[in-house]
Each structure stands twice: as C-alpha cells, then as structure tokens.
Amino acid sequence: GVKILAKGSLTKKLTIKANKFSQKAISEIESVGGKIEVV
C-alpha cells in the first residue's frame, strides 16, 4: 500500500486516495480544504 506523509506544502484543494495517511498529512490536506479517502 501507499502511505501519504507530510512534506512540502499544498496550495490547492485536492482529494487524495491512499491506503494510509500520517496525522500531519491529514491536517495539511484538510487545512487547504482538501479531502482524504482511505482505499
């Protein structure tokens, strides 16, 4: 599977699908209005 980690920064609202997310990655994605989907 794939785990999304927080490195760098987001400037656009995205929906990201992956097996796992770090807690910091979730915070970063949601802070710009993005969504996560665990698959």
PDB file of N, CA and C in Angstrom:
ATOM      1  N   GLY A   1       0.813  -1.181   0.000  1.00  0.00           N
ATOM      2  CA  GLY A   1       0.000   0.000   0.000  1.00  0.00           C
ATOM      3  C   GLY A   1       0.863   1.255   0.000  1.00  0.00           C
ATOM      4  N   VAL A   2       0.200   2.363  -0.057  1.00  0.00           N
ATOM      5  CA  VAL A   2       0.857   3.666  -0.102  1.00  0.00           C
ATOM      6  C   VAL A   2       0.444   4.471   1.126  1.00  0.00           C
ATOM      7  N   LYS A   3       1.424   5.105   1.777  1.00  0.00           N
ATOM      8  CA  LYS A   3       1.144   5.992   2.909  1.00  0.00           C
ATOM      9  C   LYS A   3       1.562   7.402   2.519  1.00  0.00           C
ATOM     10  N   ILE A   4       0.659   8.345   2.716  1.00  0.00           N
ATOM     11  CA  ILE A   4       0.933   9.743   2.406  1.00  0.00           C
ATOM     12  C   ILE A   4       1.533  10.408   3.643  1.00  0.00           C
ATOM     13  N   LEU A   5       2.703  11.021   3.470  1.00  0.00           N
ATOM     14  CA  LEU A   5       3.383  11.731   4.544  1.00  0.00           C
ATOM     15  C   LEU A   5       3.356  13.224   4.256  1.00  0.00           C
ATOM     16  N   ALA A   6       3.546  14.031   5.286  1.00  0.00           N
ATOM     17  CA  ALA A   6       3.539  15.490   5.121  1.00  0.00           C
ATOM     18  C   ALA A   6       4.953  15.983   4.850  1.00  0.00           C
ATOM     19  N   LYS A   7       5.191  16.420   3.630  1.00  0.00           N
ATOM     20  CA  LYS A   7       6.466  17.033   3.272  1.00  0.00           C
ATOM     21  C   LYS A   7       6.160  18.039   2.176  1.00  0.00           C
ATOM     22  N   GLY A   8       6.584  19.268   2.358  1.00  0.00           N
ATOM     23  CA  GLY A   8       6.231  20.299   1.398  1.00  0.00           C
ATOM     24  C   GLY A   8       4.938  20.974   1.806  1.00  0.00           C
ATOM     25  N   SER A   9       4.294  21.645   0.854  1.00  0.00           N
ATOM     26  CA  SER A   9       3.059  22.346   1.181  1.00  0.00           C
ATOM     27  C   SER A   9       2.073  22.257   0.028  1.00  0.00           C
ATOM     28  N   LEU A  10       0.809  22.369   0.367  1.00  0.00           N
ATOM     29  CA  LEU A  10      -0.260  22.359  -0.630  1.00  0.00           C
ATOM     30  C   LEU A  10      -0.832  23.761  -0.750  1.00  0.00           C
ATOM     31  N   THR A  11      -1.176  24.141  -1.968  1.00  0.00           N
ATOM     32  CA  THR A  11      -1.817  25.437  -2.182  1.00  0.00           C
ATOM     33  C   THR A  11      -3.179  25.275  -2.838  1.00  0.00           C
ATOM     34  N   LYS A  12      -3.494  24.057  -3.289  1.00  0.00           N
ATOM     35  CA  LYS A  12      -4.771  23.807  -3.949  1.00  0.00           C
ATOM     36  C   LYS A  12      -5.530  22.717  -3.210  1.00  0.00           C
ATOM     37  N   LYS A  13      -6.846  22.787  -3.323  1.00  0.00           N
ATOM     38  CA  LYS A  13      -7.738  21.816  -2.715  1.00  0.00           C
ATOM     39  C   LYS A  13      -7.693  20.527  -3.543  1.00  0.00           C
ATOM     40  N   LEU A  14      -7.309  19.425  -2.925  1.00  0.00           N
ATOM     41  CA  LEU A  14      -7.206  18.145  -3.619  1.00  0.00           C
ATOM     42  C   LEU A  14      -7.966  17.068  -2.864  1.00  0.00           C
ATOM     43  N   THR A  15      -8.376  16.021  -3.579  1.00  0.00           N
ATOM     44  CA  THR A  15      -8.870  14.804  -2.952  1.00  0.00           C
ATOM     45  C   THR A  15      -7.810  13.748  -3.206  1.00  0.00           C
ATOM     46  N   ILE A  16      -7.256  13.202  -2.131  1.00  0.00           N
ATOM     47  CA  ILE A  16      -6.162  12.243  -2.246  1.00  0.00           C
ATOM     48  C   ILE A  16      -6.634  10.892  -1.738  1.00  0.00           C
ATOM     49  N   LYS A  17      -6.427   9.858  -2.561  1.00  0.00           N
ATOM     50  CA  LYS A  17      -6.814   8.498  -2.208  1.00  0.00           C
ATOM     51  C   LYS A  17      -5.558   7.677  -1.967  1.00  0.00           C
ATOM     52  N   ALA A  18      -5.482   7.013  -0.806  1.00  0.00           N
ATOM     53  CA  ALA A  18      -4.327   6.178  -0.474  1.00  0.00           C
ATOM     54  C   ALA A  18      -4.731   5.199   0.617  1.00  0.00           C
ATOM     55  N   ASN A  19      -3.815   4.267   0.930  1.00  0.00           N
ATOM     56  CA  ASN A  19      -4.068   3.277   1.967  1.00  0.00           C
ATOM     57  C   ASN A  19      -3.932   3.849   3.372  1.00  0.00           C
ATOM     58  N   LYS A  20      -2.941   4.728   3.567  1.00  0.00           N
ATOM     59  CA  LYS A  20      -2.677   5.288   4.891  1.00  0.00           C
ATOM     60  C   LYS A  20      -2.233   6.735   4.762  1.00  0.00           C
ATOM     61  N   PHE A  21      -2.486   7.510   5.803  1.00  0.00           N
ATOM     62  CA  PHE A  21      -2.082   8.911   5.870  1.00  0.00           C
ATOM     63  C   PHE A  21      -1.466   9.173   7.232  1.00  0.00           C
ATOM     64  N   SER A  22      -0.388   9.953   7.273  1.00  0.00           N
ATOM     65  CA  SER A  22       0.129  10.379   8.574  1.00  0.00           C
ATOM     66  C   SER A  22      -0.825  11.441   9.111  1.00  0.00           C
ATOM     67  N   GLN A  23      -0.835  11.609  10.430  1.00  0.00           N
ATOM     68  CA  GLN A  23      -1.733  12.592  11.034  1.00  0.00           C
ATOM     69  C   GLN A  23      -1.420  14.000  10.534  1.00  0.00           C
ATOM     70  N   LYS A  24      -0.144  14.301  10.356  1.00  0.00           N
ATOM     71  CA  LYS A  24       0.249  15.628   9.861  1.00  0.00           C
ATOM     72  C   LYS A  24      -0.221  15.821   8.417  1.00  0.00           C
ATOM     73  N   ALA A  25      -0.142  14.771   7.597  1.00  0.00           N
ATOM     74  CA  ALA A  25      -0.608  14.872   6.211  1.00  0.00           C
ATOM     75  C   ALA A  25      -2.105  15.164   6.171  1.00  0.00           C
ATOM     76  N   ILE A  26      -2.866  14.505   7.032  1.00  0.00           N
ATOM     77  CA  ILE A  26      -4.310  14.753   7.093  1.00  0.00           C
ATOM     78  C   ILE A  26      -4.568  16.215   7.437  1.00  0.00           C
ATOM     79  N   SER A  27      -3.863  16.733   8.427  1.00  0.00           N
ATOM     80  CA  SER A  27      -4.034  18.134   8.831  1.00  0.00           C
ATOM     81  C   SER A  27      -3.704  19.089   7.697  1.00  0.00           C
ATOM     82  N   GLU A  28      -2.606  18.828   6.992  1.00  0.00           N
ATOM     83  CA  GLU A  28      -2.188  19.703   5.884  1.00  0.00           C
ATOM     84  C   GLU A  28      -3.207  19.679   4.747  1.00  0.00           C
ATOM     85  N   ILE A  29      -3.670  18.495   4.382  1.00  0.00           N
ATOM     86  CA  ILE A  29      -4.638  18.361   3.284  1.00  0.00           C
ATOM     87  C   ILE A  29      -5.940  19.070   3.639  1.00  0.00           C
ATOM     88  N   GLU A  30      -6.437  18.831   4.853  1.00  0.00           N
ATOM     89  CA  GLU A  30      -7.709  19.417   5.257  1.00  0.00           C
ATOM     90  C   GLU A  30      -7.606  20.923   5.500  1.00  0.00           C
ATOM     91  N   SER A  31      -6.422  21.430   5.843  1.00  0.00           N
ATOM     92  CA  SER A  31      -6.272  22.863   6.116  1.00  0.00           C
ATOM     93  C   SER A  31      -6.459  23.726   4.868  1.00  0.00           C
ATOM     94  N   VAL A  32      -6.244  23.145   3.681  1.00  0.00           N
ATOM     95  CA  VAL A  32      -6.469  23.896   2.435  1.00  0.00           C
ATOM     96  C   VAL A  32      -7.805  23.521   1.789  1.00  0.00           C
ATOM     97  N   GLY A  33      -8.644  22.778   2.536  1.00  0.00           N
ATOM     98  CA  GLY A  33      -9.963  22.421   2.030  1.00  0.00           C
ATOM     99  C   GLY A  33     -10.001  21.114   1.268  1.00  0.00           C
ATOM    100  N   GLY A  34      -8.903  20.355   1.301  1.00  0.00           N
ATOM    101  CA  GLY A  34      -8.851  19.083   0.597  1.00  0.00           C
ATOM    102  C   GLY A  34      -9.521  17.964   1.371  1.00  0.00           C
ATOM    103  N   LYS A  35      -9.614  16.814   0.729  1.00  0.00           N
ATOM    104  CA  LYS A  35     -10.245  15.643   1.339  1.00  0.00           C
ATOM    105  C   LYS A  35      -9.320  14.446   1.200  1.00  0.00           C
ATOM    106  N   ILE A  36      -9.444  13.513   2.145  1.00  0.00           N
ATOM    107  CA  ILE A  36      -8.709  12.257   2.037  1.00  0.00           C
ATOM    108  C   ILE A  36      -9.707  11.119   1.879  1.00  0.00           C
ATOM    109  N   GLU A  37      -9.298  10.087   1.170  1.00  0.00           N
ATOM    110  CA  GLU A  37     -10.101   8.874   1.027  1.00  0.00           C
ATOM    111  C   GLU A  37      -9.187   7.686   1.242  1.00  0.00           C
ATOM    112  N   VAL A  38      -9.512   6.870   2.248  1.00  0.00           N
ATOM    113  CA  VAL A  38      -8.741   5.660   2.505  1.00  0.00           C
ATOM    114  C   VAL A  38      -9.310   4.556   1.618  1.00  0.00           C
ATOM    115  N   VAL A  39      -8.436   3.955   0.825  1.00  0.00           N
ATOM    116  CA  VAL A  39      -8.871   2.875  -0.075  1.00  0.00           C
ATOM    117  C   VAL A  39      -8.218   1.573   0.301  1.00  0.00           C
TER     118      VAL A  39
END
